Amino acid sequence: MQTLLILGGGTAGTMIANKLSSRLARSDWRVIVVDKDDIHDYQPGYLFIPFGINTPEQVRRSMHTFLAEGVELVMGEVDVVEPDAKLVRLEGGREIGYDYLVIATGTTPRPDQTPGMLGDEWHKSVNEFYTFEGALALRDALRRFEGGRLVMHITELPIKCPVAPLEFVMLADDYLRERGLRERTEIVYVTPLDGAFTKPVASRELGHHLEQRHIQVEPDFMIESVDQERKVIVSYDEREVAYDLLVTVPLNMGADFVARSGLGDELNYVPVDKHTMRSTAYGTIFALGDAGNLPTSKAGSVAHFSVEIFVENFLQLVAGKPMTHSFDGHANCFVESGGGKALLLDFNYDTEPLTGTFPLPKVGPMSLLKESRANHLGKLAFRHIYWNILLPGRPMPLPAAMSMSGKNVE
């Protein structure tokens, strides 16, 4: 009997468990998922909670209800991985051996890494929406907000869902107009990048949307500290940005056990081959979802597409065959822009987001890097797809590899 041990029951971990449990012989394999609790959140929904578009109940469910029959769920915090012994130790002393290990413990915001970010005003005048609790607190803070300086700030990349801060400021613009507060509010987008996004074409197009909404961009801002008493954020080059309400994206880091196990880089992400997600140090370890150091967005679509590749490769590997499938870094994401519209980005390692139509040339029905109602409806529909198709491991019509069909090459 061989054991596939999956650390983390989020998007990637759940998909892997469900897809492989049906394709590995139960007489030969145990599939075990370890997670700290039985909570599974639809994390894209966090962004909508502050604006009342999603309710808390719509984004949170029990993890075990999505795991296929035969998958073992173990509750516990991982203490350390001992890769030479093929052993995982949980806090409290329990040990679980494995033949193959998947690390899918994601990435989390770490406000403790920026001086002054945590304090008496955390989740009051200093907020975030990358946790369930943070989204609820920000909902309350926005309800109390009566105008002033609203600052959206990114500490450093990579972050989970890098377009989410852009979505926030455009949704905030819409929200404040509905409340009659936009004329009394200055919205500032503070980023360590030199523009609105990481890729030139997307940065240009998204930058135009910020300009049209009179949202100020403060680029190349590397934060040194937050001064909650003075209500300013301070950069290493001594620039200061004042706020009345600060919404920040703290430094994102992988799980601490990755560092304790000697498996991670300086941000606790597991170095992996970008095409197979296999650890560069250990042939029996893979890192999926946000846990690896893939040079692409930390987004649900990346988890989905890379899992598709991993599953096929893993079945080849355990059959004693070479892994022949290669992940191309495919990512796509909707960008909510307010007013019942959204944009869509589709890109991979080699191709930046481009304009055009998706998934079919001319027909679409979705447009790339252009606002449309269809894109907005697609984003809203995805929550249903996530719970009912993606997590259970059912087939999706989108191929894992990115297609150039419908894209306009500049």
Protein backbone atom coordinates (compact mmCIF):
# COMPACT_ATOMS: atom_id res chain seq x y z
CA MET A 1 0.00 0.00 0.00
CA GLN A 2 1.41 3.38 -1.08
CA THR A 3 0.45 6.73 0.42
CA LEU A 4 -0.18 10.03 -1.32
CA LEU A 5 -0.14 12.66 1.43
CA ILE A 6 -1.60 16.09 0.62
CA LEU A 7 -0.90 18.95 3.01
CA GLY A 8 -3.68 21.52 2.63
CA GLY A 9 -7.31 21.11 1.68
CA GLY A 10 -7.76 24.30 -0.30
CA THR A 11 -8.46 24.53 -4.03
CA ALA A 12 -5.41 22.60 -5.24
CA GLY A 13 -5.35 20.04 -2.45
CA THR A 14 -9.04 19.19 -2.74
CA MET A 15 -8.92 18.93 -6.54
CA ILE A 16 -5.89 16.62 -6.43
CA ALA A 17 -7.45 14.36 -3.80
CA ASN A 18 -10.71 14.06 -5.73
CA LYS A 19 -9.18 13.56 -9.15
CA LEU A 20 -6.61 10.98 -8.04
CA SER A 21 -8.84 9.07 -5.63
CA SER A 22 -10.91 7.96 -8.61
CA ARG A 23 -7.90 7.03 -10.72
CA LEU A 24 -5.65 5.27 -8.21
CA ALA A 25 -6.58 1.75 -7.18
CA ARG A 26 -7.90 1.80 -3.61
CA SER A 27 -6.32 -1.58 -2.99
CA ASP A 28 -2.91 -0.04 -3.71
CA TRP A 29 -3.19 3.58 -2.53
CA ARG A 30 -4.17 5.68 0.48
CA VAL A 31 -4.98 9.33 -0.27
CA ILE A 32 -4.72 11.49 2.87
CA VAL A 33 -5.46 15.22 3.22
CA VAL A 34 -4.15 17.12 6.25
CA ASP A 35 -5.57 20.51 7.20
CA LYS A 36 -5.82 22.58 10.37
CA ASP A 37 -9.65 22.74 10.33
CA ASP A 38 -12.75 21.72 8.39
CA ILE A 39 -13.32 25.14 6.82
CA HIS A 40 -13.14 25.68 3.08
CA ASP A 41 -13.57 29.24 1.79
CA TYR A 42 -14.24 30.47 -1.71
CA GLN A 43 -11.51 33.06 -1.46
CA PRO A 44 -12.44 35.16 -4.53
CA GLY A 45 -15.62 35.93 -2.62
CA TYR A 46 -13.71 37.81 0.09
CA LEU A 47 -13.44 40.84 -2.22
CA PHE A 48 -17.23 41.05 -2.58
CA ILE A 49 -18.09 40.84 1.14
CA PRO A 50 -17.13 44.47 1.97
CA PHE A 51 -19.49 45.74 -0.74
CA GLY A 52 -22.40 43.46 0.17
CA ILE A 53 -22.21 41.57 -3.15
CA ASN A 54 -21.47 38.28 -1.36
CA THR A 55 -22.69 37.25 2.06
CA PRO A 56 -20.36 35.41 4.45
CA GLU A 57 -22.49 32.29 4.08
CA GLN A 58 -21.88 32.19 0.33
CA VAL A 59 -18.11 31.88 0.64
CA ARG A 60 -17.70 29.39 3.52
CA ARG A 61 -18.47 25.66 3.66
CA SER A 62 -17.23 22.50 5.35
CA MET A 63 -14.20 20.96 3.68
CA HIS A 64 -15.09 17.32 4.27
CA THR A 65 -18.29 17.62 2.22
CA PHE A 66 -16.20 18.12 -0.93
CA LEU A 67 -13.77 15.24 -0.48
CA ALA A 68 -14.49 12.09 -2.44
CA GLU A 69 -15.35 8.84 -0.72
CA GLY A 70 -12.19 7.04 0.34
CA VAL A 71 -10.11 10.17 0.89
CA GLU A 72 -8.91 10.34 4.51
CA LEU A 73 -9.10 13.75 6.22
CA VAL A 74 -6.75 14.40 9.14
CA MET A 75 -7.17 17.54 11.25
CA GLY A 76 -3.94 19.01 12.55
CA GLU A 77 -1.23 21.62 12.15
CA VAL A 78 1.91 20.51 10.33
CA ASP A 79 5.00 20.86 12.49
CA VAL A 80 7.73 19.67 10.13
CA VAL A 81 8.37 17.58 7.03
CA GLU A 82 11.31 15.19 7.11
CA PRO A 83 11.85 14.51 3.41
CA ASP A 84 14.73 12.05 3.82
CA ALA A 85 12.56 9.89 6.08
CA LYS A 86 9.43 10.56 3.99
CA LEU A 87 7.65 11.59 7.17
CA VAL A 88 5.38 14.45 8.26
CA ARG A 89 5.11 15.34 11.93
CA LEU A 90 2.01 17.13 13.15
CA GLU A 91 1.83 19.35 16.20
CA GLY A 92 0.98 17.11 19.13
CA GLY A 93 3.30 14.35 17.96
CA ARG A 94 1.34 12.41 15.33
CA GLU A 95 3.48 11.10 12.48
CA ILE A 96 2.32 10.28 8.95
CA GLY A 97 4.57 8.54 6.46
CA TYR A 98 4.24 9.00 2.71
CA ASP A 99 5.50 7.73 -0.59
CA TYR A 100 4.62 10.96 -2.38
CA LEU A 101 3.92 14.33 -0.80
CA VAL A 102 1.97 17.29 -2.18
CA ILE A 103 2.38 20.60 -0.38
CA ALA A 104 -0.73 22.68 -1.08
CA THR A 105 -0.84 24.91 2.00
CA GLY A 106 -1.12 28.12 0.01
CA THR A 107 -0.01 31.59 0.98
CA THR A 108 -1.24 33.88 3.74
CA PRO A 109 -1.02 37.61 4.54
CA ARG A 110 1.60 38.45 7.16
CA PRO A 111 0.96 41.92 8.60
CA ASP A 112 3.46 41.12 11.34
CA GLN A 113 6.26 41.50 8.79
CA THR A 114 5.69 45.27 8.35
CA PRO A 115 6.44 47.50 11.37
CA GLY A 116 3.34 49.24 12.67
CA MET A 117 0.84 47.42 10.48
CA LEU A 118 -0.56 45.41 13.37
CA GLY A 119 -1.77 47.48 16.31
CA ASP A 120 -4.84 48.97 17.92
CA GLU A 121 -6.22 50.08 14.53
CA TRP A 122 -5.80 46.71 12.80
CA HIS A 123 -9.16 45.78 11.23
CA LYS A 124 -10.45 49.27 12.12
CA SER A 125 -8.78 52.10 10.18
CA VAL A 126 -6.14 49.65 8.84
CA ASN A 127 -7.81 46.83 6.93
CA GLU A 128 -7.37 43.96 4.50
CA PHE A 129 -9.68 41.63 2.56
CA TYR A 130 -7.41 38.61 2.10
CA THR A 131 -8.89 36.79 5.10
CA PHE A 132 -12.49 36.00 6.01
CA GLU A 133 -12.22 38.02 9.22
CA GLY A 134 -10.57 40.91 7.38
CA ALA A 135 -13.32 41.05 4.75
CA LEU A 136 -15.97 41.25 7.47
CA ALA A 137 -14.08 44.00 9.32
CA LEU A 138 -13.62 45.97 6.09
CA ARG A 139 -17.35 45.68 5.36
CA ASP A 140 -18.00 47.35 8.71
CA ALA A 141 -15.30 49.99 8.15
CA LEU A 142 -16.75 50.95 4.76
CA ARG A 143 -20.20 51.28 6.29
CA ARG A 144 -18.76 53.74 8.82
CA PHE A 145 -16.73 55.64 6.22
CA GLU A 146 -18.08 59.12 5.45
CA GLY A 147 -15.41 60.37 3.07
CA GLY A 148 -11.77 61.34 3.20
CA ARG A 149 -8.67 59.58 1.87
CA LEU A 150 -9.12 55.91 0.98
CA VAL A 151 -5.77 54.25 0.27
CA MET A 152 -5.38 50.82 -1.33
CA HIS A 153 -1.82 49.60 -0.73
CA ILE A 154 0.24 46.58 -1.83
CA THR A 155 3.29 45.69 0.27
CA GLU A 156 5.23 43.46 -2.12
CA LEU A 157 4.71 40.87 -4.83
CA PRO A 158 3.91 38.04 -5.25
CA ILE A 159 0.44 38.24 -3.74
CA LYS A 160 -2.60 36.04 -4.01
CA CYS A 161 -4.78 37.23 -6.90
CA PRO A 162 -2.72 40.26 -8.00
CA VAL A 163 -5.68 41.96 -9.71
CA ALA A 164 -7.81 41.99 -6.54
CA PRO A 165 -6.46 45.37 -5.30
CA LEU A 166 -7.35 46.91 -8.66
CA GLU A 167 -10.81 45.41 -8.41
CA PHE A 168 -11.17 46.84 -4.92
CA VAL A 169 -10.53 50.47 -5.93
CA MET A 170 -12.90 50.26 -8.90
CA LEU A 171 -15.61 48.63 -6.81
CA ALA A 172 -14.99 51.23 -4.09
CA ASP A 173 -15.44 53.99 -6.67
CA ASP A 174 -18.79 52.47 -7.63
CA TYR A 175 -19.82 51.87 -3.99
CA LEU A 176 -18.99 55.43 -2.92
CA ARG A 177 -20.90 56.93 -5.85
CA GLU A 178 -23.97 54.93 -4.86
CA ARG A 179 -23.66 56.29 -1.31
CA GLY A 180 -23.10 59.87 -2.52
CA LEU A 181 -19.62 59.97 -0.99
CA ARG A 182 -17.38 59.88 -4.07
CA GLU A 183 -17.01 63.67 -4.32
CA ARG A 184 -15.84 63.68 -0.72
CA THR A 185 -13.35 60.86 -1.20
CA GLU A 186 -9.87 60.70 -2.69
CA ILE A 187 -8.92 57.16 -3.75
CA VAL A 188 -5.19 56.40 -3.97
CA TYR A 189 -3.68 53.18 -5.34
CA VAL A 190 -0.21 52.61 -3.84
CA THR A 191 1.92 49.93 -5.50
CA PRO A 192 5.55 48.75 -5.53
CA LEU A 193 5.23 48.41 -9.32
CA ASP A 194 5.87 51.20 -11.81
CA GLY A 195 2.28 50.93 -13.07
CA ALA A 196 -1.10 49.39 -12.44
CA PHE A 197 -0.11 45.80 -13.27
CA THR A 198 2.92 43.60 -13.90
CA LYS A 199 2.52 43.25 -17.69
CA PRO A 200 2.79 46.23 -20.10
CA VAL A 201 -0.40 45.85 -22.17
CA ALA A 202 -2.53 45.03 -19.12
CA SER A 203 -0.89 47.81 -17.10
CA ARG A 204 -1.75 50.31 -19.85
CA GLU A 205 -5.36 49.18 -20.21
CA LEU A 206 -6.00 48.93 -16.48
CA GLY A 207 -4.24 52.23 -15.89
CA HIS A 208 -6.73 53.88 -18.24
CA HIS A 209 -9.59 52.58 -16.14
CA LEU A 210 -8.07 54.09 -13.01
CA GLU A 211 -7.56 57.43 -14.77
CA GLN A 212 -11.17 57.50 -15.95
CA ARG A 213 -12.30 57.00 -12.37
CA HIS A 214 -9.91 59.69 -11.06
CA ILE A 215 -8.04 57.16 -8.94
CA GLN A 216 -4.53 58.38 -8.18
CA VAL A 217 -1.65 55.92 -8.63
CA GLU A 218 1.39 56.14 -6.36
CA PRO A 219 3.96 53.85 -8.04
CA ASP A 220 7.33 52.44 -6.94
CA PHE A 221 6.32 52.61 -3.27
CA MET A 222 8.25 50.15 -1.12
CA ILE A 223 6.74 50.35 2.34
CA GLU A 224 8.96 50.60 5.41
CA SER A 225 6.31 51.08 8.10
CA VAL A 226 2.77 52.09 9.02
CA ASP A 227 2.30 54.94 11.49
CA GLN A 228 -1.18 54.33 12.85
CA GLU A 229 -1.09 57.35 15.14
CA ARG A 230 -0.28 59.80 12.33
CA LYS A 231 -2.27 57.76 9.77
CA VAL A 232 0.49 57.55 7.19
CA ILE A 233 2.40 54.79 5.43
CA VAL A 234 6.10 55.44 4.98
CA SER A 235 8.35 54.13 2.20
CA TYR A 236 12.04 53.30 2.37
CA ASP A 237 12.79 56.45 0.36
CA GLU A 238 10.91 58.43 3.05
CA ARG A 239 7.80 59.23 1.02
CA GLU A 240 4.62 59.36 3.05
CA VAL A 241 1.04 58.64 1.96
CA ALA A 242 -1.66 59.80 4.36
CA TYR A 243 -4.93 57.92 4.80
CA ASP A 244 -8.22 58.09 6.62
CA LEU A 245 -8.99 54.49 5.75
CA LEU A 246 -6.15 52.16 4.73
CA VAL A 247 -6.79 48.91 2.91
CA THR A 248 -3.52 47.03 2.61
CA VAL A 249 -2.24 43.80 1.14
CA PRO A 250 0.36 42.62 3.67
CA LEU A 251 3.40 40.63 2.64
CA ASN A 252 2.25 37.20 1.46
CA MET A 253 4.21 34.17 2.65
CA GLY A 254 3.96 30.41 2.50
CA ALA A 255 3.49 28.18 5.53
CA ASP A 256 6.03 28.38 8.35
CA PHE A 257 6.54 24.61 8.42
CA VAL A 258 8.03 24.89 4.93
CA ALA A 259 10.83 27.00 6.40
CA ARG A 260 11.26 24.72 9.42
CA SER A 261 11.59 21.77 7.03
CA GLY A 262 14.25 23.44 4.90
CA LEU A 263 12.03 23.20 1.84
CA GLY A 264 11.37 26.86 1.05
CA ASP A 265 12.82 30.10 -0.24
CA GLU A 266 12.92 33.37 1.72
CA LEU A 267 9.11 33.68 1.50
CA ASN A 268 8.48 30.02 2.42
CA TYR A 269 7.52 29.01 -1.12
CA VAL A 270 8.75 25.63 -2.32
CA PRO A 271 11.18 25.87 -5.28
CA VAL A 272 9.71 23.72 -8.04
CA ASP A 273 10.14 22.99 -11.72
CA LYS A 274 7.72 25.45 -13.31
CA HIS A 275 6.42 22.89 -15.80
CA THR A 276 5.88 19.88 -13.50
CA MET A 277 5.52 21.51 -10.02
CA ARG A 278 8.01 18.94 -8.74
CA SER A 279 10.38 20.00 -5.99
CA THR A 280 13.83 20.85 -7.32
CA ALA A 281 15.32 19.17 -4.24
CA TYR A 282 13.19 16.03 -3.73
CA GLY A 283 11.68 13.86 -6.45
CA THR A 284 8.82 12.62 -4.27
CA ILE A 285 7.59 16.10 -3.30
CA PHE A 286 5.39 18.42 -5.35
CA ALA A 287 4.03 21.88 -4.49
CA LEU A 288 0.72 22.95 -6.04
CA GLY A 289 -1.51 25.99 -5.83
CA ASP A 290 0.05 28.99 -4.13
CA ALA A 291 2.61 26.92 -2.19
CA GLY A 292 5.22 26.73 -4.98
CA ASN A 293 7.41 29.44 -6.44
CA LEU A 294 5.91 29.33 -9.95
CA PRO A 295 6.69 32.55 -11.86
CA THR A 296 3.04 33.32 -12.52
CA SER A 297 0.01 34.63 -10.65
CA LYS A 298 -0.98 33.05 -7.37
CA ALA A 299 -4.57 32.54 -8.47
CA GLY A 300 -7.26 29.90 -8.47
CA SER A 301 -7.01 29.44 -12.23
CA VAL A 302 -3.32 28.59 -11.91
CA ALA A 303 -4.21 26.00 -9.28
CA HIS A 304 -6.86 24.55 -11.58
CA PHE A 305 -4.74 24.36 -14.74
CA SER A 306 -1.58 23.17 -12.98
CA VAL A 307 -3.51 20.45 -11.13
CA GLU A 308 -4.76 19.12 -14.47
CA ILE A 309 -1.14 18.78 -15.63
CA PHE A 310 0.05 17.35 -12.31
CA VAL A 311 -2.59 14.61 -12.23
CA GLU A 312 -1.64 13.28 -15.65
CA ASN A 313 2.07 13.46 -14.84
CA PHE A 314 1.60 11.77 -11.47
CA LEU A 315 -0.21 8.83 -13.01
CA GLN A 316 2.66 8.43 -15.45
CA LEU A 317 5.24 8.74 -12.67
CA VAL A 318 3.75 6.05 -10.43
CA ALA A 319 3.39 3.78 -13.46
CA GLY A 320 7.15 4.04 -13.97
CA LYS A 321 6.88 6.22 -17.06
CA PRO A 322 8.39 9.65 -17.84
CA MET A 323 6.21 12.69 -17.08
CA THR A 324 5.31 14.07 -20.51
CA HIS A 325 2.86 16.87 -19.65
CA SER A 326 4.08 20.44 -19.20
CA PHE A 327 2.36 23.36 -17.47
CA ASP A 328 2.68 26.59 -19.46
CA GLY A 329 1.82 29.00 -16.64
CA HIS A 330 -1.74 29.48 -17.90
CA ALA A 331 -3.78 31.92 -15.82
CA ASN A 332 -7.00 33.76 -16.42
CA CYS A 333 -8.91 36.07 -14.14
CA PHE A 334 -11.87 38.38 -14.20
CA VAL A 335 -11.31 41.96 -13.06
CA GLU A 336 -14.46 43.50 -11.56
CA SER A 337 -14.68 47.15 -12.57
CA GLY A 338 -18.01 48.20 -11.02
CA GLY A 339 -21.27 49.08 -12.67
CA GLY A 340 -22.05 45.44 -13.40
CA LYS A 341 -19.06 45.05 -15.71
CA ALA A 342 -15.70 43.29 -15.62
CA LEU A 343 -12.58 42.72 -17.69
CA LEU A 344 -10.90 39.39 -18.41
CA LEU A 345 -7.18 38.54 -18.52
CA ASP A 346 -5.77 35.35 -20.10
CA PHE A 347 -2.00 34.74 -20.20
CA ASN A 348 0.85 32.33 -19.46
CA TYR A 349 4.62 32.28 -18.88
CA ASP A 350 5.42 33.49 -22.38
CA THR A 351 2.39 35.55 -23.41
CA GLU A 352 1.23 38.61 -21.51
CA PRO A 353 -2.46 39.53 -21.24
CA LEU A 354 -3.66 40.77 -24.63
CA THR A 355 -6.84 42.29 -26.02
CA GLY A 356 -9.28 40.18 -28.04
CA THR A 357 -12.12 37.73 -27.37
CA PHE A 358 -12.38 34.57 -25.26
CA PRO A 359 -12.68 31.66 -25.71
CA LEU A 360 -13.68 31.92 -29.38
CA PRO A 361 -12.35 34.38 -32.00
CA LYS A 362 -14.77 37.29 -32.66
CA VAL A 363 -17.67 35.38 -31.09
CA GLY A 364 -16.33 35.46 -27.53
CA PRO A 365 -18.68 35.72 -25.71
CA MET A 366 -16.17 37.33 -23.35
CA SER A 367 -13.83 40.18 -24.15
CA LEU A 368 -10.18 40.38 -23.13
CA LEU A 369 -8.95 43.54 -21.37
CA LYS A 370 -12.24 45.25 -22.12
CA GLU A 371 -15.20 45.89 -19.85
CA SER A 372 -18.34 43.89 -20.56
CA ARG A 373 -21.47 42.66 -18.86
CA ALA A 374 -20.68 39.11 -20.02
CA ASN A 375 -17.40 39.17 -18.11
CA HIS A 376 -19.18 40.30 -14.95
CA LEU A 377 -21.78 37.55 -15.27
CA GLY A 378 -18.96 35.06 -15.86
CA LYS A 379 -17.31 36.07 -12.61
CA LEU A 380 -20.54 35.80 -10.65
CA ALA A 381 -21.28 32.39 -12.18
CA PHE A 382 -17.87 31.06 -11.27
CA ARG A 383 -18.79 30.68 -7.58
CA HIS A 384 -21.35 28.05 -8.57
CA ILE A 385 -18.84 26.40 -10.90
CA TYR A 386 -16.24 26.36 -8.12
CA TRP A 387 -18.42 24.61 -5.56
CA ASN A 388 -20.14 22.19 -7.95
CA ILE A 389 -17.61 21.36 -10.68
CA LEU A 390 -14.08 22.52 -9.88
CA LEU A 391 -13.70 21.31 -6.29
CA PRO A 392 -15.37 17.92 -6.83
CA GLY A 393 -12.87 17.33 -9.63
CA ARG A 394 -15.37 17.15 -12.45
CA PRO A 395 -14.15 17.94 -16.00
CA MET A 396 -14.07 21.59 -17.05
CA PRO A 397 -14.42 22.61 -20.73
CA LEU A 398 -11.36 24.89 -20.64
CA PRO A 399 -8.04 23.28 -21.65
CA ALA A 400 -5.11 23.58 -19.26
CA ALA A 401 -2.88 25.05 -21.98
CA MET A 402 -3.44 28.65 -23.05
CA SER A 403 -4.72 29.25 -26.57
CA MET A 404 -3.84 32.22 -28.77
CA SER A 405 -7.23 31.92 -30.46
CA GLY A 406 -9.02 35.28 -30.41
CA LYS A 407 -6.08 37.26 -29.08
CA ASN A 408 -4.75 40.41 -30.75
CA VAL A 409 -0.96 40.32 -30.90
CA GLU A 410 0.59 43.80 -30.76
